[in-house]
Each structure stands twice: as structure tokens, then as C-alpha cells.
N, C-alpha and C. Protein backbone atom coordinates (compact mmCIF):
# COMPACT_ATOMS: atom_id res chain seq x y z
N MET A 1 -20.20 15.89 11.15
CA MET A 1 -20.96 15.09 10.26
C MET A 1 -20.75 14.05 9.15
N LYS A 2 -20.12 13.33 9.33
CA LYS A 2 -19.97 11.99 7.97
C LYS A 2 -20.96 11.70 7.31
N THR A 3 -20.98 12.19 5.71
CA THR A 3 -21.54 12.09 4.76
C THR A 3 -21.63 10.05 4.53
N GLU A 4 -22.35 9.65 3.40
CA GLU A 4 -22.19 8.67 3.51
C GLU A 4 -21.26 7.76 2.55
N ASN A 5 -20.71 8.77 1.72
CA ASN A 5 -19.52 8.57 0.87
C ASN A 5 -18.16 8.45 1.57
N ARG A 6 -18.44 9.47 2.34
CA ARG A 6 -16.79 9.65 3.43
C ARG A 6 -16.05 8.71 3.97
N LEU A 7 -15.11 8.33 3.87
CA LEU A 7 -14.70 6.97 4.99
C LEU A 7 -13.40 7.66 6.07
N ASP A 8 -13.13 7.61 6.96
CA ASP A 8 -11.65 7.78 8.00
C ASP A 8 -11.06 6.89 6.99
N LEU A 9 -9.73 7.31 7.63
CA LEU A 9 -8.40 7.28 7.01
C LEU A 9 -7.93 6.27 8.00
N PRO A 10 -7.51 5.12 7.53
CA PRO A 10 -6.81 3.83 8.28
C PRO A 10 -5.72 4.21 9.00
N GLN A 11 -5.43 4.16 10.24
CA GLN A 11 -4.12 4.59 10.85
C GLN A 11 -2.96 4.79 10.55
N GLY A 12 -2.06 5.44 9.84
CA GLY A 12 -1.10 5.69 9.43
C GLY A 12 -1.05 5.81 7.50
N THR A 13 -2.02 5.91 7.49
CA THR A 13 -2.32 6.61 5.93
C THR A 13 -2.35 7.35 5.70
N LEU A 14 -1.87 8.67 6.50
CA LEU A 14 -1.45 9.89 5.62
C LEU A 14 -0.54 10.87 5.40
N ASP A 15 0.39 9.90 6.36
CA ASP A 15 1.51 10.52 6.03
C ASP A 15 1.97 9.79 4.41
N LEU A 16 1.12 9.01 4.08
CA LEU A 16 1.66 7.65 2.60
C LEU A 16 0.52 9.09 1.71
N LEU A 17 -0.61 9.30 1.80
CA LEU A 17 -1.06 10.14 0.92
C LEU A 17 -0.77 11.77 0.90
N ILE A 18 -0.07 11.98 2.35
CA ILE A 18 0.50 13.73 2.59
C ILE A 18 1.40 13.47 1.08
N MET A 19 2.42 12.54 1.30
CA MET A 19 3.83 12.13 0.79
C MET A 19 3.33 11.77 -1.26
N ARG A 20 2.27 11.52 -1.02
CA ARG A 20 1.85 11.17 -2.42
C ARG A 20 1.33 12.20 -3.26
N VAL A 21 0.90 12.88 -2.27
CA VAL A 21 0.09 14.39 -3.26
C VAL A 21 1.48 15.59 -3.66
N VAL A 22 2.25 15.46 -2.34
CA VAL A 22 3.28 16.49 -2.47
C VAL A 22 4.35 16.05 -3.12
N ALA A 23 4.53 14.51 -3.84
CA ALA A 23 5.37 14.03 -4.70
C ALA A 23 4.86 14.68 -6.42
N LEU A 24 4.16 15.51 -6.60
CA LEU A 24 3.78 16.08 -7.84
C LEU A 24 3.96 17.61 -7.80
N GLY A 25 4.22 17.91 -6.88
CA GLY A 25 5.00 19.30 -6.60
C GLY A 25 5.00 20.25 -5.51
N PRO A 26 5.60 21.40 -5.01
CA PRO A 26 5.58 22.15 -4.20
C PRO A 26 3.84 22.58 -3.67
N ILE A 27 3.13 21.97 -3.16
CA ILE A 27 2.44 22.64 -2.44
C ILE A 27 1.81 23.12 -1.09
N HIS A 28 1.05 23.63 -0.75
CA HIS A 28 0.79 24.20 0.66
C HIS A 28 -0.03 23.14 1.15
N GLY A 29 0.26 23.31 2.70
CA GLY A 29 -0.92 22.51 3.34
C GLY A 29 -2.55 22.39 2.98
N TYR A 30 -3.02 23.75 2.85
CA TYR A 30 -4.30 23.58 2.86
C TYR A 30 -4.64 22.88 1.36
N ALA A 31 -3.52 23.06 0.64
CA ALA A 31 -3.94 22.65 -1.08
C ALA A 31 -4.11 21.27 -1.01
N ILE A 32 -2.71 20.78 0.05
CA ILE A 32 -2.27 19.19 -0.39
C ILE A 32 -4.17 18.94 0.95
N ALA A 33 -4.52 19.08 0.96
CA ALA A 33 -5.97 18.47 2.02
C ALA A 33 -7.18 18.86 0.97
N GLN A 34 -6.90 19.71 0.16
CA GLN A 34 -8.23 20.11 -0.89
C GLN A 34 -8.08 18.70 -1.51
N ARG A 35 -6.24 18.76 -2.43
CA ARG A 35 -6.43 17.59 -3.21
C ARG A 35 -6.40 16.12 -2.97
N ILE A 36 -6.11 15.83 -1.92
CA ILE A 36 -6.56 14.43 -1.07
C ILE A 36 -8.21 14.59 -1.58
N GLN A 37 -8.39 15.48 -1.16
CA GLN A 37 -10.96 15.49 -0.87
C GLN A 37 -10.67 15.31 -2.72
N GLN A 38 -9.65 16.27 -3.35
CA GLN A 38 -10.66 16.28 -4.89
C GLN A 38 -10.75 14.90 -5.40
N MET A 39 -8.65 14.20 -5.31
CA MET A 39 -8.43 13.01 -5.91
C MET A 39 -9.53 11.80 -5.30
N SER A 40 -9.59 11.82 -4.40
CA SER A 40 -10.27 10.68 -3.54
C SER A 40 -12.10 10.65 -3.86
N ARG A 41 -12.39 11.76 -4.36
CA ARG A 41 -13.80 12.13 -5.01
C ARG A 41 -14.31 12.56 -3.74
N ASP A 42 -14.07 13.61 -3.08
CA ASP A 42 -14.54 13.54 -1.92
C ASP A 42 -15.15 12.32 -0.89
N ALA A 43 -14.46 11.19 -0.58
CA ALA A 43 -14.23 9.88 -0.01
C ALA A 43 -13.58 10.47 1.51
N LEU A 44 -12.62 11.16 0.74
CA LEU A 44 -11.27 11.52 2.04
C LEU A 44 -11.15 12.81 2.62
N GLN A 45 -11.61 13.47 3.40
CA GLN A 45 -11.44 14.58 3.96
C GLN A 45 -10.50 14.64 4.90
N VAL A 46 -9.22 15.63 4.95
CA VAL A 46 -8.23 15.65 6.12
C VAL A 46 -8.23 16.73 6.78
N GLN A 47 -8.71 17.14 8.03
CA GLN A 47 -8.87 18.30 9.18
C GLN A 47 -7.77 18.30 9.11
N GLN A 48 -7.42 19.72 9.53
CA GLN A 48 -6.47 20.40 9.96
C GLN A 48 -5.79 20.06 10.91
N GLY A 49 -6.55 19.87 12.41
CA GLY A 49 -5.83 18.95 13.22
C GLY A 49 -5.35 17.82 13.26
N SER A 50 -5.59 17.25 12.19
CA SER A 50 -4.68 15.75 11.59
C SER A 50 -3.41 16.25 10.54
N LEU A 51 -3.45 17.13 9.78
CA LEU A 51 -2.54 16.94 8.45
C LEU A 51 -1.57 18.23 9.21
N TYR A 52 -1.96 19.58 9.83
CA TYR A 52 -0.28 20.03 10.30
C TYR A 52 0.16 19.42 10.69
N PRO A 53 0.08 18.49 11.93
CA PRO A 53 0.99 17.69 12.88
C PRO A 53 1.62 16.39 12.12
N ALA A 54 1.07 15.77 11.26
CA ALA A 54 1.66 15.08 10.23
C ALA A 54 2.73 15.67 9.04
N LEU A 55 2.47 17.18 8.57
CA LEU A 55 3.02 17.75 7.93
C LEU A 55 4.28 18.16 8.82
N HIS A 56 4.06 18.26 10.19
CA HIS A 56 5.07 18.63 11.35
C HIS A 56 6.21 17.57 11.24
N ARG A 57 5.68 15.92 11.35
CA ARG A 57 6.01 15.37 11.63
C ARG A 57 7.19 14.90 10.50
N LEU A 58 6.96 14.86 9.23
CA LEU A 58 7.51 14.21 8.01
C LEU A 58 8.41 15.43 7.91
N GLU A 59 8.65 17.08 8.32
CA GLU A 59 9.13 17.81 7.78
C GLU A 59 10.48 17.49 9.04
N TYR A 60 10.12 16.85 10.28
CA TYR A 60 10.96 16.64 11.40
C TYR A 60 11.69 15.28 10.95
N LYS A 61 11.37 14.34 10.23
CA LYS A 61 12.08 13.07 9.87
C LYS A 61 12.75 13.35 8.50
N LYS A 62 12.83 14.99 8.01
CA LYS A 62 13.32 14.53 7.11
C LYS A 62 13.04 14.21 5.63
N LEU A 63 11.53 14.01 5.57
CA LEU A 63 10.67 13.42 4.28
C LEU A 63 10.29 14.68 3.64
N LEU A 64 10.41 15.94 4.09
CA LEU A 64 9.55 16.77 3.23
C LEU A 64 10.31 18.00 3.77
N ALA A 65 10.86 18.76 2.36
CA ALA A 65 11.45 20.19 3.26
C ALA A 65 10.34 21.53 2.69
N ALA A 66 10.05 22.51 3.62
CA ALA A 66 9.46 23.23 3.43
C ALA A 66 10.05 24.79 3.34
N THR A 67 9.38 25.76 2.73
CA THR A 67 9.67 26.91 1.80
C THR A 67 8.91 28.00 2.27
N TRP A 68 8.90 28.81 3.23
CA TRP A 68 7.92 29.81 2.46
C TRP A 68 7.61 30.70 0.94
N LYS A 69 6.84 31.17 0.60
CA LYS A 69 6.41 31.79 -0.67
C LYS A 69 4.95 32.02 -0.56
N SER A 70 4.69 32.85 -1.59
CA SER A 70 3.41 33.55 -1.78
C SER A 70 2.60 32.33 -2.47
N SER A 71 1.12 32.52 -1.78
CA SER A 71 0.43 31.37 -2.02
C SER A 71 -0.50 32.18 -3.83
N GLU A 72 -1.63 31.41 -4.07
CA GLU A 72 -2.08 31.97 -5.20
C GLU A 72 -2.92 33.34 -4.87
N THR A 73 -3.16 33.57 -3.38
CA THR A 73 -4.28 34.46 -2.47
C THR A 73 -3.30 35.77 -2.33
N GLY A 74 -1.74 35.73 -2.38
CA GLY A 74 -0.86 36.68 -2.41
C GLY A 74 -0.40 36.87 -0.89
N ARG A 75 -0.87 35.39 0.13
CA ARG A 75 -0.60 35.20 1.61
C ARG A 75 0.18 34.40 1.38
N GLU A 76 1.66 34.64 2.29
CA GLU A 76 2.92 33.87 2.79
C GLU A 76 2.28 32.19 3.23
N ALA A 77 2.68 31.45 2.83
CA ALA A 77 2.39 30.16 3.00
C ALA A 77 3.46 29.21 2.79
N LYS A 78 3.42 27.92 3.54
CA LYS A 78 4.81 26.97 3.78
C LYS A 78 4.13 25.95 2.69
N PHE A 79 5.50 26.15 1.51
CA PHE A 79 5.49 24.79 0.78
C PHE A 79 6.53 24.08 1.21
N TYR A 80 5.34 22.83 0.45
CA TYR A 80 6.26 21.71 1.04
C TYR A 80 6.89 20.75 -0.26
N GLU A 81 7.97 20.00 -0.18
CA GLU A 81 8.55 19.44 -1.41
C GLU A 81 9.51 18.25 -0.87
N LEU A 82 8.92 17.32 -1.67
CA LEU A 82 8.92 15.79 -1.22
C LEU A 82 10.78 16.07 -1.06
N THR A 83 11.51 15.44 -0.48
CA THR A 83 13.02 15.14 -0.49
C THR A 83 13.60 14.03 -0.99
N ALA A 84 14.93 13.77 -1.21
CA ALA A 84 15.14 12.81 -1.33
C ALA A 84 14.97 11.32 -0.85
N LYS A 85 15.29 11.47 0.31
CA LYS A 85 15.11 10.68 1.72
C LYS A 85 13.59 10.33 1.47
N GLY A 86 12.77 11.04 1.14
CA GLY A 86 11.12 11.11 0.86
C GLY A 86 11.12 10.58 0.01
N ARG A 87 11.09 10.84 -0.83
CA ARG A 87 11.23 9.15 -2.70
C ARG A 87 11.28 8.22 -2.67
N THR A 88 12.43 8.20 -1.53
CA THR A 88 12.94 6.66 -1.37
C THR A 88 11.35 6.03 -0.37
N GLN A 89 11.03 6.70 0.67
CA GLN A 89 10.06 6.12 1.64
C GLN A 89 8.96 6.44 0.97
N LEU A 90 8.70 6.93 0.28
CA LEU A 90 7.11 7.04 -0.78
C LEU A 90 7.05 5.64 -1.60
N LYS A 91 8.37 5.59 -2.17
CA LYS A 91 8.04 4.25 -3.18
C LYS A 91 8.26 3.08 -1.89
N THR A 92 9.09 2.89 -0.94
CA THR A 92 8.85 1.53 -0.46
C THR A 92 7.63 1.72 0.29
N GLU A 93 6.74 2.72 1.09
CA GLU A 93 6.11 2.81 1.58
C GLU A 93 4.82 2.46 0.35
N THR A 94 4.47 3.07 -0.91
CA THR A 94 3.77 2.45 -1.66
C THR A 94 3.87 0.82 -2.28
N GLU A 95 5.35 0.37 -2.23
CA GLU A 95 5.18 -1.22 -2.41
C GLU A 95 4.40 -2.30 -1.22
N ASN A 96 4.67 -1.05 -0.10
CA ASN A 96 4.14 -1.97 1.17
C ASN A 96 2.61 -2.06 0.85
N TRP A 97 1.73 -1.06 1.23
CA TRP A 97 0.88 -0.53 0.54
C TRP A 97 0.03 -1.62 -0.63
N LYS A 98 0.60 -1.76 -1.53
CA LYS A 98 0.30 -2.32 -2.77
C LYS A 98 0.24 -3.57 -2.50
N ARG A 99 1.13 -4.26 -1.89
CA ARG A 99 1.10 -5.90 -0.90
C ARG A 99 0.30 -6.34 -0.21
N LEU A 100 0.14 -5.20 1.03
CA LEU A 100 -0.83 -5.38 1.78
C LEU A 100 -2.29 -5.33 1.81
N THR A 101 -2.50 -4.26 0.38
CA THR A 101 -4.30 -4.33 -0.28
C THR A 101 -3.92 -5.70 -0.81
N GLU A 102 -3.26 -6.34 -1.64
CA GLU A 102 -3.45 -7.40 -2.20
C GLU A 102 -3.63 -8.51 -1.30
N LEU A 103 -2.99 -9.05 -0.47
CA LEU A 103 -3.03 -9.65 0.72
C LEU A 103 -4.24 -9.72 1.37
N VAL A 104 -4.88 -8.57 1.66
CA VAL A 104 -6.25 -8.96 2.53
C VAL A 104 -7.14 -8.96 1.49
N GLY A 105 -6.87 -8.70 0.14
CA GLY A 105 -8.08 -8.86 -1.25
C GLY A 105 -8.40 -10.55 -1.03
N LEU A 106 -7.24 -11.11 -1.04
CA LEU A 106 -7.26 -12.40 -0.88
C LEU A 106 -7.66 -13.16 0.42
N ILE A 107 -8.08 -12.67 1.25
CA ILE A 107 -8.60 -13.01 2.65
C ILE A 107 -9.79 -12.85 2.19
N PHE A 108 -10.28 -11.69 1.67
CA PHE A 108 -11.56 -11.21 1.84
C PHE A 108 -12.13 -12.21 0.43
N LYS A 109 -11.97 -12.57 -0.30
CA LYS A 109 -11.80 -13.46 -1.53
C LYS A 109 -12.30 -14.81 -0.92
N GLY A 110 -11.33 -15.50 -0.20
CA GLY A 110 -11.15 -16.55 0.08
C GLY A 110 -12.72 -17.18 1.28
N THR A 111 -12.57 -17.78 0.93
CA THR A 111 -13.60 -18.90 2.24
C THR A 111 -12.97 -18.88 3.50
N LEU A 112 -13.99 -19.46 4.39
CA LEU A 112 -13.23 -19.71 5.51
C LEU A 112 -13.58 -21.36 5.71
N GLU A 113 -12.81 -22.12 6.32
CA GLU A 113 -13.11 -23.59 6.29
C GLU A 113 -13.91 -23.80 7.44
N GLY A 114 -15.47 -24.30 7.49
CA GLY A 114 -15.96 -24.66 8.36
C GLY A 114 -16.82 -23.91 8.70
N ALA A 115 -16.91 -22.28 7.97
CA ALA A 115 -17.91 -21.63 8.33
C ALA A 115 -18.75 -21.35 7.92
N SER A 116 -20.31 -21.39 8.62
CA SER A 116 -21.67 -21.36 8.29
C SER A 116 -21.82 -20.64 7.13
């Protein structure tokens, strides 16, 4: 059930958000989901069914590297880090996202000629 302040992620943004969180330092999957929720002030909640396929996809594309380590609970967990290729991709996608949101903002601020 969705609460009023929760939003669905637009298609294609999950990978960017994951890379942004991982850029802050090595982190395991569950903590990535928690960090996204925390940073979005509980507006974005990433489900495991979306998170883990995205992590595997990013690892397959060599944008993330993973190593098994003990987590804060003492259990073994896969910790993800951004690769050099991932840092480059994150920079490019961040610039593209900023430009896109700027352009969409312009459209929303504008008026349609001939609109009632």
C-alpha cells in the first residue's frame, strides 16, 4: 500500500540512484535500499524484487564490483563499490538527469499557446 508521500521511481532511474549511493562508499544491498529511502525522506522505497536484479545488472555491466564481507550484523553480505567505469557512467548520467529535469521544468513553467 502506497502512502501519500511515497512515489514510484520513473523507469530507468533506479540504476542511477544505486550508483549514487554506492559512490559514497562500500555498501551492501539491504543498506542501499535503506539509504535511498532515508535520503528521499521516505518518499522512495526500493523493493528487493527491483533492487537485486538492478545490482546484478550493474555488476554485469562492470559499473559495480562486489566482494563478500561481514556486515554490521556479523553475517556475510555482498558489498558493492563503484568501478572506474561506474564513476564515469554516474557522472554522465547525473549530467543527463540534471539537463532533462531542467528541460522538463521549462516545459512546466511555460504556457501553451492557444490553450484555454
